[in-house]
Amino acid sequence: MKASEPSAASLRDLPEVRDWSEARRNPYLRGRRARVLDADLAKAFPDSTSVNAALRELLAVRAVVRPRRRRAA
């Protein structure tokens, strides 16, 4: 299936772009699930494996030690 050509009216709404020679890809975009760490956290967690391990530990501790919820009176 061929993509249809844009209409002249839709092309008028677009800003004119003349030079893409200095364009570059977004270095933070690696899919929808990408997260950017602050510099101090990036030093503590050098790769995604260490971040994932720390988060799994946190979830395990949270499952064991949950604060009791108060019931509404």
N, C-alpha and C. Protein backbone atom coordinates (compact mmCIF):
# COMPACT_ATOMS: atom_id res chain seq x y z
N MET A 1 0.84 -1.17 0.00
CA MET A 1 0.00 0.00 0.00
C MET A 1 0.88 1.24 0.00
N LYS A 2 0.64 2.13 -0.92
CA LYS A 2 1.44 3.35 -1.05
C LYS A 2 0.92 4.43 -0.11
N ALA A 3 1.83 5.20 0.45
CA ALA A 3 1.42 6.34 1.27
C ALA A 3 0.92 7.45 0.35
N SER A 4 -0.13 8.11 0.77
CA SER A 4 -0.67 9.19 -0.07
C SER A 4 0.18 10.44 0.07
N GLU A 5 0.18 11.23 -0.94
CA GLU A 5 0.92 12.50 -0.94
C GLU A 5 0.19 13.51 -0.05
N PRO A 6 0.92 14.34 0.69
CA PRO A 6 0.26 15.37 1.50
C PRO A 6 -0.38 16.42 0.59
N SER A 7 -1.47 16.97 1.07
CA SER A 7 -2.15 17.99 0.26
C SER A 7 -1.40 19.31 0.35
N ALA A 8 -1.64 20.18 -0.60
CA ALA A 8 -0.98 21.48 -0.62
C ALA A 8 -1.38 22.30 0.60
N ALA A 9 -2.62 22.15 1.06
CA ALA A 9 -3.08 22.89 2.24
C ALA A 9 -2.31 22.46 3.49
N SER A 10 -2.07 21.16 3.64
CA SER A 10 -1.34 20.69 4.83
C SER A 10 0.12 21.10 4.78
N LEU A 11 0.68 21.19 3.59
CA LEU A 11 2.08 21.61 3.47
C LEU A 11 2.25 23.09 3.80
N ARG A 12 1.24 23.89 3.55
CA ARG A 12 1.32 25.32 3.88
C ARG A 12 1.38 25.55 5.38
N ASP A 13 0.80 24.64 6.17
CA ASP A 13 0.78 24.79 7.62
C ASP A 13 2.12 24.46 8.26
N LEU A 14 2.96 23.74 7.55
CA LEU A 14 4.26 23.36 8.09
C LEU A 14 5.26 24.51 7.95
N PRO A 15 6.10 24.70 8.96
CA PRO A 15 7.14 25.73 8.81
C PRO A 15 8.16 25.26 7.77
N GLU A 16 8.74 26.19 7.07
CA GLU A 16 9.71 25.84 6.05
C GLU A 16 11.04 25.49 6.71
N VAL A 17 11.58 24.37 6.35
CA VAL A 17 12.86 23.91 6.89
C VAL A 17 13.85 23.91 5.75
N ARG A 18 14.95 24.59 5.97
CA ARG A 18 15.91 24.74 4.88
C ARG A 18 17.18 23.92 5.07
N ASP A 19 17.66 23.82 6.30
CA ASP A 19 18.97 23.21 6.49
C ASP A 19 18.92 22.19 7.62
N TRP A 20 19.11 20.93 7.29
CA TRP A 20 19.15 19.88 8.30
C TRP A 20 20.57 19.37 8.50
N SER A 21 21.56 20.09 8.02
CA SER A 21 22.93 19.59 8.07
C SER A 21 23.47 19.46 9.49
N GLU A 22 22.95 20.24 10.44
CA GLU A 22 23.43 20.14 11.81
C GLU A 22 22.45 19.42 12.72
N ALA A 23 21.45 18.79 12.15
CA ALA A 23 20.48 18.05 12.94
C ALA A 23 21.13 16.80 13.53
N ARG A 24 20.67 16.39 14.69
CA ARG A 24 21.18 15.16 15.29
C ARG A 24 20.04 14.47 16.04
N ARG A 25 20.21 13.21 16.26
CA ARG A 25 19.20 12.44 16.97
C ARG A 25 19.20 12.80 18.45
N ASN A 26 18.06 12.61 19.09
CA ASN A 26 17.94 12.85 20.52
C ASN A 26 18.72 11.75 21.26
N PRO A 27 19.76 12.12 22.02
CA PRO A 27 20.57 11.09 22.68
C PRO A 27 19.83 10.39 23.82
N TYR A 28 18.73 10.95 24.31
CA TYR A 28 18.00 10.36 25.43
C TYR A 28 16.87 9.45 24.97
N LEU A 29 16.56 9.46 23.70
CA LEU A 29 15.43 8.69 23.21
C LEU A 29 15.89 7.32 22.76
N ARG A 30 15.50 6.31 23.49
CA ARG A 30 15.82 4.93 23.14
C ARG A 30 14.57 4.08 23.32
N GLY A 31 13.47 4.56 22.86
CA GLY A 31 12.22 3.86 23.07
C GLY A 31 11.38 4.60 24.09
N ARG A 32 10.18 4.16 24.28
CA ARG A 32 9.26 4.86 25.17
C ARG A 32 9.59 4.67 26.63
N ARG A 33 10.35 3.66 26.97
CA ARG A 33 10.60 3.36 28.37
C ARG A 33 11.93 3.89 28.89
N ALA A 34 12.59 4.70 28.13
CA ALA A 34 13.89 5.24 28.54
C ALA A 34 13.71 6.25 29.66
N ARG A 35 14.61 6.22 30.61
CA ARG A 35 14.62 7.16 31.73
C ARG A 35 16.02 7.76 31.81
N VAL A 36 16.11 9.00 32.21
CA VAL A 36 17.39 9.67 32.34
C VAL A 36 17.68 9.87 33.82
N LEU A 37 18.84 9.40 34.26
CA LEU A 37 19.24 9.54 35.66
C LEU A 37 19.97 10.85 35.87
N ASP A 38 19.84 11.40 37.07
CA ASP A 38 20.65 12.56 37.44
C ASP A 38 22.11 12.12 37.54
N ALA A 39 23.00 13.08 37.48
CA ALA A 39 24.44 12.78 37.43
C ALA A 39 24.92 11.98 38.65
N ASP A 40 24.43 12.33 39.84
CA ASP A 40 24.88 11.61 41.04
C ASP A 40 24.39 10.16 41.03
N LEU A 41 23.20 9.92 40.51
CA LEU A 41 22.70 8.55 40.42
C LEU A 41 23.40 7.77 39.31
N ALA A 42 23.76 8.44 38.25
CA ALA A 42 24.46 7.78 37.16
C ALA A 42 25.82 7.27 37.62
N LYS A 43 26.45 7.97 38.56
CA LYS A 43 27.72 7.49 39.11
C LYS A 43 27.51 6.25 39.95
N ALA A 44 26.42 6.20 40.71
CA ALA A 44 26.14 5.06 41.58
C ALA A 44 25.66 3.85 40.78
N PHE A 45 24.95 4.09 39.68
CA PHE A 45 24.41 3.03 38.85
C PHE A 45 24.95 3.19 37.43
N PRO A 46 26.07 2.55 37.12
CA PRO A 46 26.72 2.77 35.83
C PRO A 46 26.01 2.15 34.63
N ASP A 47 25.11 1.19 34.87
CA ASP A 47 24.42 0.57 33.74
C ASP A 47 23.00 0.17 34.13
N SER A 48 22.22 -0.23 33.15
CA SER A 48 20.82 -0.55 33.41
C SER A 48 20.67 -1.79 34.27
N THR A 49 21.63 -2.71 34.22
CA THR A 49 21.55 -3.91 35.04
C THR A 49 21.60 -3.57 36.52
N SER A 50 22.47 -2.65 36.90
CA SER A 50 22.56 -2.27 38.31
C SER A 50 21.33 -1.50 38.78
N VAL A 51 20.76 -0.69 37.90
CA VAL A 51 19.52 0.03 38.24
C VAL A 51 18.39 -0.96 38.44
N ASN A 52 18.25 -1.92 37.53
CA ASN A 52 17.20 -2.91 37.64
C ASN A 52 17.35 -3.76 38.90
N ALA A 53 18.57 -4.14 39.23
CA ALA A 53 18.81 -4.94 40.45
C ALA A 53 18.41 -4.16 41.70
N ALA A 54 18.78 -2.89 41.75
CA ALA A 54 18.43 -2.06 42.92
C ALA A 54 16.93 -1.87 43.04
N LEU A 55 16.25 -1.66 41.93
CA LEU A 55 14.80 -1.49 41.96
C LEU A 55 14.10 -2.79 42.36
N ARG A 56 14.60 -3.92 41.90
CA ARG A 56 14.00 -5.20 42.31
C ARG A 56 14.18 -5.43 43.81
N GLU A 57 15.34 -5.07 44.34
CA GLU A 57 15.56 -5.19 45.78
C GLU A 57 14.60 -4.29 46.56
N LEU A 58 14.42 -3.09 46.08
CA LEU A 58 13.51 -2.15 46.72
C LEU A 58 12.09 -2.70 46.73
N LEU A 59 11.64 -3.28 45.62
CA LEU A 59 10.31 -3.86 45.57
C LEU A 59 10.18 -5.06 46.51
N ALA A 60 11.24 -5.85 46.63
CA ALA A 60 11.21 -7.00 47.54
C ALA A 60 11.10 -6.55 48.99
N VAL A 61 11.84 -5.53 49.35
CA VAL A 61 11.78 -4.99 50.72
C VAL A 61 10.40 -4.38 50.98
N ARG A 62 9.89 -3.69 50.00
CA ARG A 62 8.57 -3.06 50.14
C ARG A 62 7.48 -4.11 50.35
N ALA A 63 7.61 -5.25 49.68
CA ALA A 63 6.61 -6.30 49.83
C ALA A 63 6.64 -6.90 51.23
N VAL A 64 7.81 -6.92 51.86
CA VAL A 64 7.94 -7.48 53.21
C VAL A 64 7.54 -6.46 54.27
N VAL A 65 7.99 -5.24 54.12
CA VAL A 65 7.76 -4.20 55.12
C VAL A 65 6.80 -3.17 54.56
N ARG A 66 5.53 -3.42 54.73
CA ARG A 66 4.52 -2.45 54.27
C ARG A 66 3.94 -1.76 55.48
N PRO A 67 3.83 -0.45 55.43
CA PRO A 67 3.18 0.26 56.56
C PRO A 67 1.71 -0.11 56.62
N ARG A 68 1.22 -0.21 57.86
CA ARG A 68 -0.20 -0.52 58.03
C ARG A 68 -1.03 0.69 57.67
N ARG A 69 -2.08 0.45 56.95
CA ARG A 69 -2.96 1.54 56.58
C ARG A 69 -4.01 1.74 57.66
N ARG A 70 -4.28 3.00 57.93
CA ARG A 70 -5.32 3.31 58.91
C ARG A 70 -6.67 3.21 58.24
N ARG A 71 -7.59 2.69 58.99
CA ARG A 71 -8.97 2.63 58.49
C ARG A 71 -9.68 3.90 58.84
N ALA A 72 -10.53 4.34 57.94
CA ALA A 72 -11.32 5.53 58.21
C ALA A 72 -12.34 5.22 59.29
N ALA A 73 -12.48 6.12 60.24
CA ALA A 73 -13.41 5.89 61.37
C ALA A 73 -14.83 6.22 61.02
